[in-house]
Amino acid sequence: MKKWIEVNGKMMDAVEFTRFIRKETADETEIFVREVIEKEHKNNLRLKKLQQQDA
């Protein structure tokens, strides 16, 4: 027996709901991932500079 979820006036099963959520959050997730990668890159550069100063 399928369970139905109402979203924006449309009834969706679990699979359709999962697709809907992924589609709605894809842009936000991509932006978040880019920000994290950029911050990690800056931290790695900073660490390398500090290691070179100590050597």
PDB file of N, CA and C in Angstrom:
ATOM      1  N   MET A   1       0.845  -1.171   0.000  1.00  0.00           N
ATOM      2  CA  MET A   1       0.000   0.000   0.000  1.00  0.00           C
ATOM      3  C   MET A   1       0.896   1.240   0.000  1.00  0.00           C
ATOM      4  N   LYS A   2       0.668   2.173  -0.936  1.00  0.00           N
ATOM      5  CA  LYS A   2       1.464   3.381  -1.035  1.00  0.00           C
ATOM      6  C   LYS A   2       0.925   4.440  -0.086  1.00  0.00           C
ATOM      7  N   LYS A   3       1.832   5.213   0.440  1.00  0.00           N
ATOM      8  CA  LYS A   3       1.446   6.369   1.242  1.00  0.00           C
ATOM      9  C   LYS A   3       1.591   7.596   0.365  1.00  0.00           C
ATOM     10  N   TRP A   4       0.693   8.517   0.503  1.00  0.00           N
ATOM     11  CA  TRP A   4       0.683   9.704  -0.334  1.00  0.00           C
ATOM     12  C   TRP A   4       0.954  10.943   0.496  1.00  0.00           C
ATOM     13  N   ILE A   5       1.680  11.872  -0.103  1.00  0.00           N
ATOM     14  CA  ILE A   5       2.037  13.126   0.539  1.00  0.00           C
ATOM     15  C   ILE A   5       1.506  14.247  -0.345  1.00  0.00           C
ATOM     16  N   GLU A   6       0.835  15.216   0.259  1.00  0.00           N
ATOM     17  CA  GLU A   6       0.335  16.335  -0.530  1.00  0.00           C
ATOM     18  C   GLU A   6       1.365  17.457  -0.505  1.00  0.00           C
ATOM     19  N   VAL A   7       1.805  17.874  -1.686  1.00  0.00           N
ATOM     20  CA  VAL A   7       2.784  18.945  -1.822  1.00  0.00           C
ATOM     21  C   VAL A   7       2.279  19.903  -2.893  1.00  0.00           C
ATOM     22  N   ASN A   8       2.119  21.152  -2.509  1.00  0.00           N
ATOM     23  CA  ASN A   8       1.637  22.176  -3.443  1.00  0.00           C
ATOM     24  C   ASN A   8       0.357  21.752  -4.163  1.00  0.00           C
ATOM     25  N   GLY A   9      -0.536  21.099  -3.444  1.00  0.00           N
ATOM     26  CA  GLY A   9      -1.811  20.689  -4.020  1.00  0.00           C
ATOM     27  C   GLY A   9      -1.742  19.445  -4.879  1.00  0.00           C
ATOM     28  N   LYS A  10      -0.598  18.773  -4.925  1.00  0.00           N
ATOM     29  CA  LYS A  10      -0.433  17.567  -5.736  1.00  0.00           C
ATOM     30  C   LYS A  10      -0.106  16.398  -4.818  1.00  0.00           C
ATOM     31  N   MET A  11      -0.737  15.270  -5.065  1.00  0.00           N
ATOM     32  CA  MET A  11      -0.460  14.080  -4.268  1.00  0.00           C
ATOM     33  C   MET A  11       0.742  13.355  -4.867  1.00  0.00           C
ATOM     34  N   MET A  12       1.719  13.051  -4.010  1.00  0.00           N
ATOM     35  CA  MET A  12       2.942  12.384  -4.473  1.00  0.00           C
ATOM     36  C   MET A  12       3.209  11.174  -3.601  1.00  0.00           C
ATOM     37  N   ASP A  13       3.770  10.132  -4.224  1.00  0.00           N
ATOM     38  CA  ASP A  13       4.251   9.009  -3.423  1.00  0.00           C
ATOM     39  C   ASP A  13       5.676   9.334  -2.976  1.00  0.00           C
ATOM     40  N   ALA A  14       6.288   8.431  -2.248  1.00  0.00           N
ATOM     41  CA  ALA A  14       7.615   8.700  -1.678  1.00  0.00           C
ATOM     42  C   ALA A  14       8.665   8.970  -2.755  1.00  0.00           C
ATOM     43  N   VAL A  15       8.612   8.247  -3.865  1.00  0.00           N
ATOM     44  CA  VAL A  15       9.607   8.419  -4.929  1.00  0.00           C
ATOM     45  C   VAL A  15       9.458   9.796  -5.573  1.00  0.00           C
ATOM     46  N   GLU A  16       8.224  10.169  -5.893  1.00  0.00           N
ATOM     47  CA  GLU A  16       7.988  11.487  -6.497  1.00  0.00           C
ATOM     48  C   GLU A  16       8.385  12.600  -5.537  1.00  0.00           C
ATOM     49  N   PHE A  17       8.103  12.412  -4.252  1.00  0.00           N
ATOM     50  CA  PHE A  17       8.447  13.412  -3.246  1.00  0.00           C
ATOM     51  C   PHE A  17       9.961  13.579  -3.151  1.00  0.00           C
ATOM     52  N   THR A  18      10.699  12.471  -3.192  1.00  0.00           N
ATOM     53  CA  THR A  18      12.161  12.531  -3.143  1.00  0.00           C
ATOM     54  C   THR A  18      12.712  13.293  -4.343  1.00  0.00           C
ATOM     55  N   ARG A  19      12.183  13.006  -5.529  1.00  0.00           N
ATOM     56  CA  ARG A  19      12.617  13.737  -6.732  1.00  0.00           C
ATOM     57  C   ARG A  19      12.323  15.224  -6.599  1.00  0.00           C
ATOM     58  N   PHE A  20      11.149  15.541  -6.083  1.00  0.00           N
ATOM     59  CA  PHE A  20      10.751  16.935  -5.901  1.00  0.00           C
ATOM     60  C   PHE A  20      11.722  17.657  -4.967  1.00  0.00           C
ATOM     61  N   ILE A  21      12.043  17.048  -3.842  1.00  0.00           N
ATOM     62  CA  ILE A  21      12.959  17.650  -2.863  1.00  0.00           C
ATOM     63  C   ILE A  21      14.335  17.847  -3.485  1.00  0.00           C
ATOM     64  N   ARG A  22      14.849  16.846  -4.185  1.00  0.00           N
ATOM     65  CA  ARG A  22      16.172  16.960  -4.809  1.00  0.00           C
ATOM     66  C   ARG A  22      16.196  18.085  -5.831  1.00  0.00           C
ATOM     67  N   LYS A  23      15.142  18.188  -6.620  1.00  0.00           N
ATOM     68  CA  LYS A  23      15.079  19.232  -7.645  1.00  0.00           C
ATOM     69  C   LYS A  23      15.012  20.616  -7.000  1.00  0.00           C
ATOM     70  N   GLU A  24      14.238  20.745  -5.942  1.00  0.00           N
ATOM     71  CA  GLU A  24      14.060  22.039  -5.284  1.00  0.00           C
ATOM     72  C   GLU A  24      15.320  22.505  -4.552  1.00  0.00           C
ATOM     73  N   THR A  25      16.110  21.567  -4.043  1.00  0.00           N
ATOM     74  CA  THR A  25      17.277  21.937  -3.238  1.00  0.00           C
ATOM     75  C   THR A  25      18.596  21.835  -3.998  1.00  0.00           C
ATOM     76  N   ALA A  26      18.570  21.439  -5.253  1.00  0.00           N
ATOM     77  CA  ALA A  26      19.806  21.213  -6.014  1.00  0.00           C
ATOM     78  C   ALA A  26      20.663  22.474  -6.107  1.00  0.00           C
ATOM     79  N   ASP A  27      20.051  23.620  -6.417  1.00  0.00           N
ATOM     80  CA  ASP A  27      20.825  24.857  -6.558  1.00  0.00           C
ATOM     81  C   ASP A  27      21.448  25.278  -5.234  1.00  0.00           C
ATOM     82  N   GLU A  28      20.674  25.201  -4.163  1.00  0.00           N
ATOM     83  CA  GLU A  28      21.200  25.577  -2.842  1.00  0.00           C
ATOM     84  C   GLU A  28      22.345  24.656  -2.431  1.00  0.00           C
ATOM     85  N   THR A  29      22.195  23.375  -2.698  1.00  0.00           N
ATOM     86  CA  THR A  29      23.236  22.413  -2.346  1.00  0.00           C
ATOM     87  C   THR A  29      24.510  22.683  -3.132  1.00  0.00           C
ATOM     88  N   GLU A  30      24.375  22.978  -4.415  1.00  0.00           N
ATOM     89  CA  GLU A  30      25.549  23.251  -5.247  1.00  0.00           C
ATOM     90  C   GLU A  30      26.294  24.484  -4.745  1.00  0.00           C
ATOM     91  N   ILE A  31      25.573  25.533  -4.381  1.00  0.00           N
ATOM     92  CA  ILE A  31      26.197  26.753  -3.854  1.00  0.00           C
ATOM     93  C   ILE A  31      26.932  26.443  -2.554  1.00  0.00           C
ATOM     94  N   PHE A  32      26.286  25.687  -1.669  1.00  0.00           N
ATOM     95  CA  PHE A  32      26.891  25.330  -0.389  1.00  0.00           C
ATOM     96  C   PHE A  32      28.178  24.532  -0.595  1.00  0.00           C
ATOM     97  N   VAL A  33      28.146  23.568  -1.512  1.00  0.00           N
ATOM     98  CA  VAL A  33      29.328  22.743  -1.769  1.00  0.00           C
ATOM     99  C   VAL A  33      30.469  23.596  -2.312  1.00  0.00           C
ATOM    100  N   ARG A  34      30.157  24.507  -3.231  1.00  0.00           N
ATOM    101  CA  ARG A  34      31.203  25.396  -3.777  1.00  0.00           C
ATOM    102  C   ARG A  34      31.832  26.239  -2.675  1.00  0.00           C
ATOM    103  N   GLU A  35      31.011  26.774  -1.773  1.00  0.00           N
ATOM    104  CA  GLU A  35      31.530  27.596  -0.679  1.00  0.00           C
ATOM    105  C   GLU A  35      32.445  26.787   0.223  1.00  0.00           C
ATOM    106  N   VAL A  36      32.053  25.560   0.524  1.00  0.00           N
ATOM    107  CA  VAL A  36      32.871  24.705   1.394  1.00  0.00           C
ATOM    108  C   VAL A  36      34.201  24.372   0.720  1.00  0.00           C
ATOM    109  N   ILE A  37      34.162  24.050  -0.561  1.00  0.00           N
ATOM    110  CA  ILE A  37      35.388  23.719  -1.289  1.00  0.00           C
ATOM    111  C   ILE A  37      36.313  24.932  -1.347  1.00  0.00           C
ATOM    112  N   GLU A  38      35.757  26.109  -1.601  1.00  0.00           N
ATOM    113  CA  GLU A  38      36.564  27.327  -1.664  1.00  0.00           C
ATOM    114  C   GLU A  38      37.210  27.623  -0.309  1.00  0.00           C
ATOM    115  N   LYS A  39      36.455  27.468   0.761  1.00  0.00           N
ATOM    116  CA  LYS A  39      36.991  27.714   2.101  1.00  0.00           C
ATOM    117  C   LYS A  39      38.094  26.706   2.422  1.00  0.00           C
ATOM    118  N   GLU A  40      37.885  25.456   2.062  1.00  0.00           N
ATOM    119  CA  GLU A  40      38.895  24.425   2.300  1.00  0.00           C
ATOM    120  C   GLU A  40      40.173  24.739   1.520  1.00  0.00           C
ATOM    121  N   HIS A  41      40.031  25.205   0.293  1.00  0.00           N
ATOM    122  CA  HIS A  41      41.190  25.563  -0.529  1.00  0.00           C
ATOM    123  C   HIS A  41      41.980  26.702   0.122  1.00  0.00           C
ATOM    124  N   LYS A  42      41.263  27.729   0.596  1.00  0.00           N
ATOM    125  CA  LYS A  42      41.931  28.854   1.266  1.00  0.00           C
ATOM    126  C   LYS A  42      42.649  28.384   2.522  1.00  0.00           C
ATOM    127  N   ASN A  43      42.024  27.492   3.282  1.00  0.00           N
ATOM    128  CA  ASN A  43      42.651  26.973   4.497  1.00  0.00           C
ATOM    129  C   ASN A  43      43.911  26.175   4.164  1.00  0.00           C
ATOM    130  N   ASN A  44      43.870  25.407   3.086  1.00  0.00           N
ATOM    131  CA  ASN A  44      45.051  24.637   2.680  1.00  0.00           C
ATOM    132  C   ASN A  44      46.195  25.560   2.285  1.00  0.00           C
ATOM    133  N   LEU A  45      45.881  26.634   1.542  1.00  0.00           N
ATOM    134  CA  LEU A  45      46.920  27.600   1.166  1.00  0.00           C
ATOM    135  C   LEU A  45      47.517  28.266   2.410  1.00  0.00           C
ATOM    136  N   ARG A  46      46.675  28.635   3.349  1.00  0.00           N
ATOM    137  CA  ARG A  46      47.134  29.268   4.580  1.00  0.00           C
ATOM    138  C   ARG A  46      48.034  28.322   5.370  1.00  0.00           C
ATOM    139  N   LEU A  47      47.649  27.049   5.425  1.00  0.00           N
ATOM    140  CA  LEU A  47      48.450  26.053   6.143  1.00  0.00           C
ATOM    141  C   LEU A  47      49.821  25.890   5.489  1.00  0.00           C
ATOM    142  N   LYS A  48      49.859  25.832   4.164  1.00  0.00           N
ATOM    143  CA  LYS A  48      51.139  25.692   3.469  1.00  0.00           C
ATOM    144  C   LYS A  48      52.050  26.883   3.748  1.00  0.00           C
ATOM    145  N   LYS A  49      51.483  28.102   3.769  1.00  0.00           N
ATOM    146  CA  LYS A  49      52.281  29.296   4.066  1.00  0.00           C
ATOM    147  C   LYS A  49      52.857  29.225   5.478  1.00  0.00           C
ATOM    148  N   LEU A  50      52.025  28.790   6.428  1.00  0.00           N
ATOM    149  CA  LEU A  50      52.500  28.682   7.804  1.00  0.00           C
ATOM    150  C   LEU A  50      53.587  27.622   7.941  1.00  0.00           C
ATOM    151  N   GLN A  51      53.438  26.522   7.241  1.00  0.00           N
ATOM    152  CA  GLN A  51      54.441  25.467   7.298  1.00  0.00           C
ATOM    153  C   GLN A  51      55.755  25.930   6.685  1.00  0.00           C
ATOM    154  N   GLN A  52      55.694  26.737   5.643  1.00  0.00           N
ATOM    155  CA  GLN A  52      56.907  27.250   5.008  1.00  0.00           C
ATOM    156  C   GLN A  52      57.607  28.246   5.917  1.00  0.00           C
ATOM    157  N   GLN A  53      56.859  29.031   6.660  1.00  0.00           N
ATOM    158  CA  GLN A  53      57.462  30.018   7.565  1.00  0.00           C
ATOM    159  C   GLN A  53      58.190  29.315   8.714  1.00  0.00           C
ATOM    160  N   ASP A  54      57.635  28.184   9.187  1.00  0.00           N
ATOM    161  CA  ASP A  54      58.259  27.461  10.299  1.00  0.00           C
ATOM    162  C   ASP A  54      59.516  26.702   9.871  1.00  0.00           C
ATOM    163  N   ALA A  55      59.618  26.376   8.593  1.00  0.00           N
ATOM    164  CA  ALA A  55      60.748  25.561   8.120  1.00  0.00           C
ATOM    165  C   ALA A  55      62.027  26.350   8.018  1.00  0.00           C
TER     166      ALA A  55
END
